[in-house]
């Protein structure tokens, strides 16, 4: 897999992105928790990060993967190891989507894994929102590069009480920008946190 922390070049692509299946639940949970610990160690207090439980998270992921509904997850795999994932909920009535989760292990930063997850998981035809920690500069720059911009909404993340910003991206239908739908923008985030059981 290479040295932890070493960014891989796009030429070294050994990974693939596929729809998540129940057998990926534990790997998604482990990736989710490890990604939080890597990405947010300067934002989230260490005792909170240390308290995450892989078994509890895996149970929640398995329930989400086997439930009927509009939420879909894609995983990035290196061999059989989950190195990243993206979860998107589509609201057909609006129509719009929310990027509920996008996490990639730090040793895969700069490899194109996150870009591929966005391209695969997010329908470019739909307006899409997401929530990001206000102080997560790397994440905000990544999302800006993919067309997401702050839309003025702010909130505090439930688990950490850290400030978040909502980012929105217009979808494209042909060449015309899609109308942003207020129902989608105002819908509360369902983004799972590693501590959540549901």
C-alpha atoms as a PDB file:
ATOM      1  CA  UNK A   1       0.000   0.000   0.000  1.00  0.00           C
ATOM      2  CA  UNK A   2       2.947   2.351   0.357  1.00  0.00           C
ATOM      3  CA  UNK A   3       4.108   4.469   3.220  1.00  0.00           C
ATOM      4  CA  UNK A   4       1.409   6.063   5.374  1.00  0.00           C
ATOM      5  CA  UNK A   5       1.253   9.788   4.778  1.00  0.00           C
ATOM      6  CA  UNK A   6       2.926   9.582   1.371  1.00  0.00           C
ATOM      7  CA  UNK A   7       0.736  11.004  -1.378  1.00  0.00           C
ATOM      8  CA  UNK A   8       0.391   8.733  -4.354  1.00  0.00           C
ATOM      9  CA  UNK A   9       0.584   9.984  -7.898  1.00  0.00           C
ATOM     10  CA  UNK A  10      -2.242   9.471 -10.347  1.00  0.00           C
ATOM     11  CA  UNK A  11       0.107   7.219 -12.356  1.00  0.00           C
ATOM     12  CA  UNK A  12       0.228   4.732  -9.447  1.00  0.00           C
ATOM     13  CA  UNK A  13      -3.522   4.067  -9.596  1.00  0.00           C
ATOM     14  CA  UNK A  14      -4.162   0.723  -7.947  1.00  0.00           C
ATOM     15  CA  UNK A  15      -7.634   1.553  -6.681  1.00  0.00           C
ATOM     16  CA  UNK A  16     -11.147   1.340  -8.053  1.00  0.00           C
ATOM     17  CA  UNK A  17     -14.516   2.890  -7.124  1.00  0.00           C
ATOM     18  CA  UNK A  18     -17.546   0.607  -6.840  1.00  0.00           C
ATOM     19  CA  UNK A  19     -21.026   0.739  -5.279  1.00  0.00           C
ATOM     20  CA  UNK A  20     -20.812  -0.212  -1.608  1.00  0.00           C
ATOM     21  CA  UNK A  21     -22.130  -3.608  -0.574  1.00  0.00           C
ATOM     22  CA  UNK A  22     -22.862  -5.027   2.895  1.00  0.00           C
ATOM     23  CA  UNK A  23     -19.446  -6.719   2.992  1.00  0.00           C
ATOM     24  CA  UNK A  24     -17.868  -3.231   2.905  1.00  0.00           C
ATOM     25  CA  UNK A  25     -19.606  -2.043   6.112  1.00  0.00           C
ATOM     26  CA  UNK A  26     -16.717  -2.693   8.499  1.00  0.00           C
ATOM     27  CA  UNK A  27     -14.160  -1.250   6.067  1.00  0.00           C
ATOM     28  CA  UNK A  28     -16.274   1.891   5.623  1.00  0.00           C
ATOM     29  CA  UNK A  29     -16.557   2.239   9.407  1.00  0.00           C
ATOM     30  CA  UNK A  30     -12.809   1.831   9.893  1.00  0.00           C
ATOM     31  CA  UNK A  31     -12.073   4.282   7.065  1.00  0.00           C
ATOM     32  CA  UNK A  32     -14.583   6.791   8.470  1.00  0.00           C
ATOM     33  CA  UNK A  33     -13.066   6.753  11.949  1.00  0.00           C
ATOM     34  CA  UNK A  34      -9.457   6.791  10.716  1.00  0.00           C
ATOM     35  CA  UNK A  35     -10.273   9.649   8.316  1.00  0.00           C
ATOM     36  CA  UNK A  36     -11.787  11.723  11.127  1.00  0.00           C
ATOM     37  CA  UNK A  37      -8.699  11.112  13.268  1.00  0.00           C
ATOM     38  CA  UNK A  38      -6.386  12.086  10.404  1.00  0.00           C
ATOM     39  CA  UNK A  39      -8.294  15.071   9.013  1.00  0.00           C
ATOM     40  CA  UNK A  40      -9.648  16.616  12.200  1.00  0.00           C
ATOM     41  CA  UNK A  41      -6.908  16.018  14.777  1.00  0.00           C
ATOM     42  CA  UNK A  42      -6.302  19.788  14.943  1.00  0.00           C
ATOM     43  CA  UNK A  43     -10.039  20.600  15.134  1.00  0.00           C
ATOM     44  CA  UNK A  44     -11.688  17.909  17.258  1.00  0.00           C
ATOM     45  CA  UNK A  45     -10.515  17.214  20.826  1.00  0.00           C
ATOM     46  CA  UNK A  46      -8.434  14.014  21.052  1.00  0.00           C
ATOM     47  CA  UNK A  47     -10.715  12.320  23.630  1.00  0.00           C
ATOM     48  CA  UNK A  48     -13.642  12.625  21.199  1.00  0.00           C
ATOM     49  CA  UNK A  49     -11.619  11.103  18.377  1.00  0.00           C
ATOM     50  CA  UNK A  50     -10.360   8.309  20.632  1.00  0.00           C
ATOM     51  CA  UNK A  51     -13.893   7.399  21.722  1.00  0.00           C
ATOM     52  CA  UNK A  52     -15.107   6.272  18.282  1.00  0.00           C
ATOM     53  CA  UNK A  53     -16.076   2.607  18.105  1.00  0.00           C
ATOM     54  CA  UNK A  54     -15.615   0.658  14.862  1.00  0.00           C
ATOM     55  CA  UNK A  55     -18.160  -2.046  15.755  1.00  0.00           C
ATOM     56  CA  UNK A  56     -20.881   0.479  16.564  1.00  0.00           C
ATOM     57  CA  UNK A  57     -20.179   2.442  13.391  1.00  0.00           C
ATOM     58  CA  UNK A  58     -20.080  -0.750  11.280  1.00  0.00           C
ATOM     59  CA  UNK A  59     -23.539  -1.724  12.565  1.00  0.00           C
ATOM     60  CA  UNK A  60     -24.904   1.699  11.540  1.00  0.00           C
ATOM     61  CA  UNK A  61     -23.238   1.491   8.118  1.00  0.00           C
ATOM     62  CA  UNK A  62     -24.649  -1.988   7.536  1.00  0.00           C
ATOM     63  CA  UNK A  63     -28.168  -0.766   8.359  1.00  0.00           C
ATOM     64  CA  UNK A  64     -27.748   2.132   5.912  1.00  0.00           C
ATOM     65  CA  UNK A  65     -26.379  -0.106   3.154  1.00  0.00           C
ATOM     66  CA  UNK A  66     -29.227  -2.612   3.455  1.00  0.00           C
ATOM     67  CA  UNK A  67     -32.062  -0.086   3.854  1.00  0.00           C
ATOM     68  CA  UNK A  68     -34.281   0.857   0.957  1.00  0.00           C
ATOM     69  CA  UNK A  69     -34.102   4.525   0.213  1.00  0.00           C
ATOM     70  CA  UNK A  70     -32.448   7.302  -1.695  1.00  0.00           C
ATOM     71  CA  UNK A  71     -29.061   7.106   0.056  1.00  0.00           C
ATOM     72  CA  UNK A  72     -26.226   5.506  -1.907  1.00  0.00           C
ATOM     73  CA  UNK A  73     -22.614   4.880  -0.963  1.00  0.00           C
ATOM     74  CA  UNK A  74     -19.633   4.242  -3.209  1.00  0.00           C
ATOM     75  CA  UNK A  75     -16.299   2.953  -1.930  1.00  0.00           C
ATOM     76  CA  UNK A  76     -12.769   3.351  -3.184  1.00  0.00           C
ATOM     77  CA  UNK A  77     -10.910   0.077  -2.794  1.00  0.00           C
ATOM     78  CA  UNK A  78      -7.211  -0.704  -2.937  1.00  0.00           C
ATOM     79  CA  UNK A  79      -7.386  -4.466  -3.281  1.00  0.00           C
ATOM     80  CA  UNK A  80     -10.152  -5.169  -0.762  1.00  0.00           C
ATOM     81  CA  UNK A  81      -9.243  -2.332   1.648  1.00  0.00           C
ATOM     82  CA  UNK A  82     -11.649   0.613   1.832  1.00  0.00           C
ATOM     83  CA  UNK A  83      -9.487   3.711   1.362  1.00  0.00           C
ATOM     84  CA  UNK A  84     -12.346   6.166   0.853  1.00  0.00           C
ATOM     85  CA  UNK A  85     -16.091   6.457   0.452  1.00  0.00           C
ATOM     86  CA  UNK A  86     -18.832   8.874  -0.546  1.00  0.00           C
ATOM     87  CA  UNK A  87     -22.456   8.815   0.580  1.00  0.00           C
ATOM     88  CA  UNK A  88     -25.122  10.795  -1.275  1.00  0.00           C
ATOM     89  CA  UNK A  89     -28.825  11.188  -0.547  1.00  0.00           C
ATOM     90  CA  UNK A  90     -31.023  12.154  -3.485  1.00  0.00           C
ATOM     91  CA  UNK A  91     -34.324  13.902  -2.889  1.00  0.00           C
ATOM     92  CA  UNK A  92     -36.291  13.061  -6.027  1.00  0.00           C
ATOM     93  CA  UNK A  93     -39.190  15.403  -5.218  1.00  0.00           C
ATOM     94  CA  UNK A  94     -36.921  18.462  -5.193  1.00  0.00           C
ATOM     95  CA  UNK A  95     -34.878  17.172  -7.211  1.00  0.00           C
ATOM     96  CA  UNK A  96     -31.556  17.670  -5.469  1.00  0.00           C
ATOM     97  CA  UNK A  97     -28.897  15.783  -3.586  1.00  0.00           C
ATOM     98  CA  UNK A  98     -26.801  16.096  -0.468  1.00  0.00           C
ATOM     99  CA  UNK A  99     -23.247  14.814  -0.216  1.00  0.00           C
ATOM    100  CA  UNK A 100     -23.589  13.336   3.263  1.00  0.00           C
ATOM    101  CA  UNK A 101     -20.046  12.034   3.558  1.00  0.00           C
ATOM    102  CA  UNK A 102     -16.791  12.063   1.612  1.00  0.00           C
ATOM    103  CA  UNK A 103     -13.752  10.616   3.335  1.00  0.00           C
ATOM    104  CA  UNK A 104     -10.400   9.417   2.029  1.00  0.00           C
ATOM    105  CA  UNK A 105      -7.481   8.129   4.079  1.00  0.00           C
ATOM    106  CA  UNK A 106      -4.684  10.709   4.396  1.00  0.00           C
ATOM    107  CA  UNK A 107      -2.131   8.464   2.705  1.00  0.00           C
ATOM    108  CA  UNK A 108      -4.283   8.740  -0.445  1.00  0.00           C
ATOM    109  CA  UNK A 109      -4.548  12.542  -0.493  1.00  0.00           C
ATOM    110  CA  UNK A 110      -3.612  13.923  -3.900  1.00  0.00           C
ATOM    111  CA  UNK A 111      -4.076  10.566  -5.642  1.00  0.00           C
ATOM    112  CA  UNK A 112      -7.374  11.392  -7.355  1.00  0.00           C
ATOM    113  CA  UNK A 113      -9.411   9.039  -5.139  1.00  0.00           C
ATOM    114  CA  UNK A 114     -11.628  11.836  -3.766  1.00  0.00           C
ATOM    115  CA  UNK A 115     -12.090  13.327  -7.250  1.00  0.00           C
ATOM    116  CA  UNK A 116     -13.204   9.946  -8.602  1.00  0.00           C
ATOM    117  CA  UNK A 117     -15.592   9.431  -5.679  1.00  0.00           C
ATOM    118  CA  UNK A 118     -17.235  12.809  -6.384  1.00  0.00           C
ATOM    119  CA  UNK A 119     -17.494  12.097 -10.120  1.00  0.00           C
ATOM    120  CA  UNK A 120     -18.995   8.662  -9.469  1.00  0.00           C
ATOM    121  CA  UNK A 121     -21.313   9.376  -6.538  1.00  0.00           C
ATOM    122  CA  UNK A 122     -22.691  12.860  -7.278  1.00  0.00           C
ATOM    123  CA  UNK A 123     -25.059  13.299 -10.218  1.00  0.00           C
ATOM    124  CA  UNK A 124     -23.770  16.422 -12.003  1.00  0.00           C
ATOM    125  CA  UNK A 125     -27.278  17.165 -13.271  1.00  0.00           C
ATOM    126  CA  UNK A 126     -28.621  17.794  -9.762  1.00  0.00           C
ATOM    127  CA  UNK A 127     -28.065  20.715  -7.412  1.00  0.00           C
ATOM    128  CA  UNK A 128     -26.122  19.359  -4.460  1.00  0.00           C
ATOM    129  CA  UNK A 129     -25.392  20.598  -0.950  1.00  0.00           C
ATOM    130  CA  UNK A 130     -22.988  19.501   1.760  1.00  0.00           C
ATOM    131  CA  UNK A 131     -21.824  20.601   5.206  1.00  0.00           C
ATOM    132  CA  UNK A 132     -18.162  21.159   6.040  1.00  0.00           C
ATOM    133  CA  UNK A 133     -16.328  22.297   9.149  1.00  0.00           C
ATOM    134  CA  UNK A 134     -15.734  26.042   8.808  1.00  0.00           C
ATOM    135  CA  UNK A 135     -12.065  25.619   9.769  1.00  0.00           C
ATOM    136  CA  UNK A 136     -11.360  22.631   7.482  1.00  0.00           C
ATOM    137  CA  UNK A 137      -9.360  24.600   4.915  1.00  0.00           C
ATOM    138  CA  UNK A 138      -8.204  21.578   2.894  1.00  0.00           C
ATOM    139  CA  UNK A 139     -11.755  20.235   2.540  1.00  0.00           C
ATOM    140  CA  UNK A 140     -13.167  23.639   1.643  1.00  0.00           C
ATOM    141  CA  UNK A 141     -10.519  24.098  -1.077  1.00  0.00           C
ATOM    142  CA  UNK A 142     -11.307  20.644  -2.493  1.00  0.00           C
ATOM    143  CA  UNK A 143     -15.032  21.360  -2.627  1.00  0.00           C
ATOM    144  CA  UNK A 144     -14.462  24.808  -4.153  1.00  0.00           C
ATOM    145  CA  UNK A 145     -12.444  23.134  -6.919  1.00  0.00           C
ATOM    146  CA  UNK A 146     -15.492  20.933  -7.598  1.00  0.00           C
ATOM    147  CA  UNK A 147     -17.892  23.866  -7.764  1.00  0.00           C
ATOM    148  CA  UNK A 148     -19.315  23.995  -4.226  1.00  0.00           C
ATOM    149  CA  UNK A 149     -19.522  27.452  -2.686  1.00  0.00           C
ATOM    150  CA  UNK A 150     -20.847  28.755   0.658  1.00  0.00           C
ATOM    151  CA  UNK A 151     -24.560  29.519   0.400  1.00  0.00           C
ATOM    152  CA  UNK A 152     -24.830  31.470   3.656  1.00  0.00           C
ATOM    153  CA  UNK A 153     -26.152  28.695   5.914  1.00  0.00           C
ATOM    154  CA  UNK A 154     -24.241  27.996   9.104  1.00  0.00           C
ATOM    155  CA  UNK A 155     -24.752  25.489  11.890  1.00  0.00           C
ATOM    156  CA  UNK A 156     -22.931  23.766  14.703  1.00  0.00           C
ATOM    157  CA  UNK A 157     -22.086  20.109  14.212  1.00  0.00           C
ATOM    158  CA  UNK A 158     -23.985  18.076  16.825  1.00  0.00           C
ATOM    159  CA  UNK A 159     -21.170  15.869  18.118  1.00  0.00           C
ATOM    160  CA  UNK A 160     -18.306  18.373  18.287  1.00  0.00           C
ATOM    161  CA  UNK A 161     -20.230  21.674  18.511  1.00  0.00           C
ATOM    162  CA  UNK A 162     -17.803  23.043  15.884  1.00  0.00           C
ATOM    163  CA  UNK A 163     -19.091  25.579  13.350  1.00  0.00           C
ATOM    164  CA  UNK A 164     -20.042  24.299   9.918  1.00  0.00           C
ATOM    165  CA  UNK A 165     -20.805  25.952   6.611  1.00  0.00           C
ATOM    166  CA  UNK A 166     -23.226  24.640   4.031  1.00  0.00           C
ATOM    167  CA  UNK A 167     -21.853  24.603   0.498  1.00  0.00           C
ATOM    168  CA  UNK A 168     -24.026  24.341  -2.606  1.00  0.00           C
ATOM    169  CA  UNK A 169     -23.392  23.479  -6.218  1.00  0.00           C
ATOM    170  CA  UNK A 170     -25.823  24.004  -9.078  1.00  0.00           C
ATOM    171  CA  UNK A 171     -26.471  21.007 -11.247  1.00  0.00           C
ATOM    172  CA  UNK A 172     -26.344  21.126 -14.997  1.00  0.00           C
ATOM    173  CA  UNK A 173     -29.092  19.863 -17.243  1.00  0.00           C
ATOM    174  CA  UNK A 174     -27.571  20.076 -20.684  1.00  0.00           C
ATOM    175  CA  UNK A 175     -25.933  23.501 -20.680  1.00  0.00           C
ATOM    176  CA  UNK A 176     -28.398  25.365 -18.493  1.00  0.00           C
ATOM    177  CA  UNK A 177     -27.797  25.668 -14.744  1.00  0.00           C
ATOM    178  CA  UNK A 178     -30.491  23.921 -12.720  1.00  0.00           C
ATOM    179  CA  UNK A 179     -32.596  25.988 -10.343  1.00  0.00           C
ATOM    180  CA  UNK A 180     -31.580  25.636  -6.717  1.00  0.00           C
ATOM    181  CA  UNK A 181     -34.496  24.232  -4.838  1.00  0.00           C
ATOM    182  CA  UNK A 182     -35.212  25.777  -1.444  1.00  0.00           C
ATOM    183  CA  UNK A 183     -36.518  22.459  -0.112  1.00  0.00           C
ATOM    184  CA  UNK A 184     -33.139  20.872  -0.759  1.00  0.00           C
ATOM    185  CA  UNK A 185     -31.081  23.735   0.627  1.00  0.00           C
ATOM    186  CA  UNK A 186     -33.147  23.904   3.789  1.00  0.00           C
ATOM    187  CA  UNK A 187     -33.184  20.177   4.468  1.00  0.00           C
ATOM    188  CA  UNK A 188     -31.183  19.284   7.585  1.00  0.00           C
ATOM    189  CA  UNK A 189     -27.951  17.438   7.072  1.00  0.00           C
ATOM    190  CA  UNK A 190     -28.104  13.706   7.603  1.00  0.00           C
ATOM    191  CA  UNK A 191     -24.341  13.378   7.447  1.00  0.00           C
ATOM    192  CA  UNK A 192     -23.222  10.427   9.574  1.00  0.00           C
ATOM    193  CA  UNK A 193     -20.521  10.950  12.161  1.00  0.00           C
ATOM    194  CA  UNK A 194     -18.270   8.103  13.278  1.00  0.00           C
ATOM    195  CA  UNK A 195     -20.005   8.089  16.665  1.00  0.00           C
ATOM    196  CA  UNK A 196     -23.515   7.836  15.257  1.00  0.00           C
ATOM    197  CA  UNK A 197     -25.430   4.611  15.548  1.00  0.00           C
ATOM    198  CA  UNK A 198     -27.940   5.509  12.882  1.00  0.00           C
END
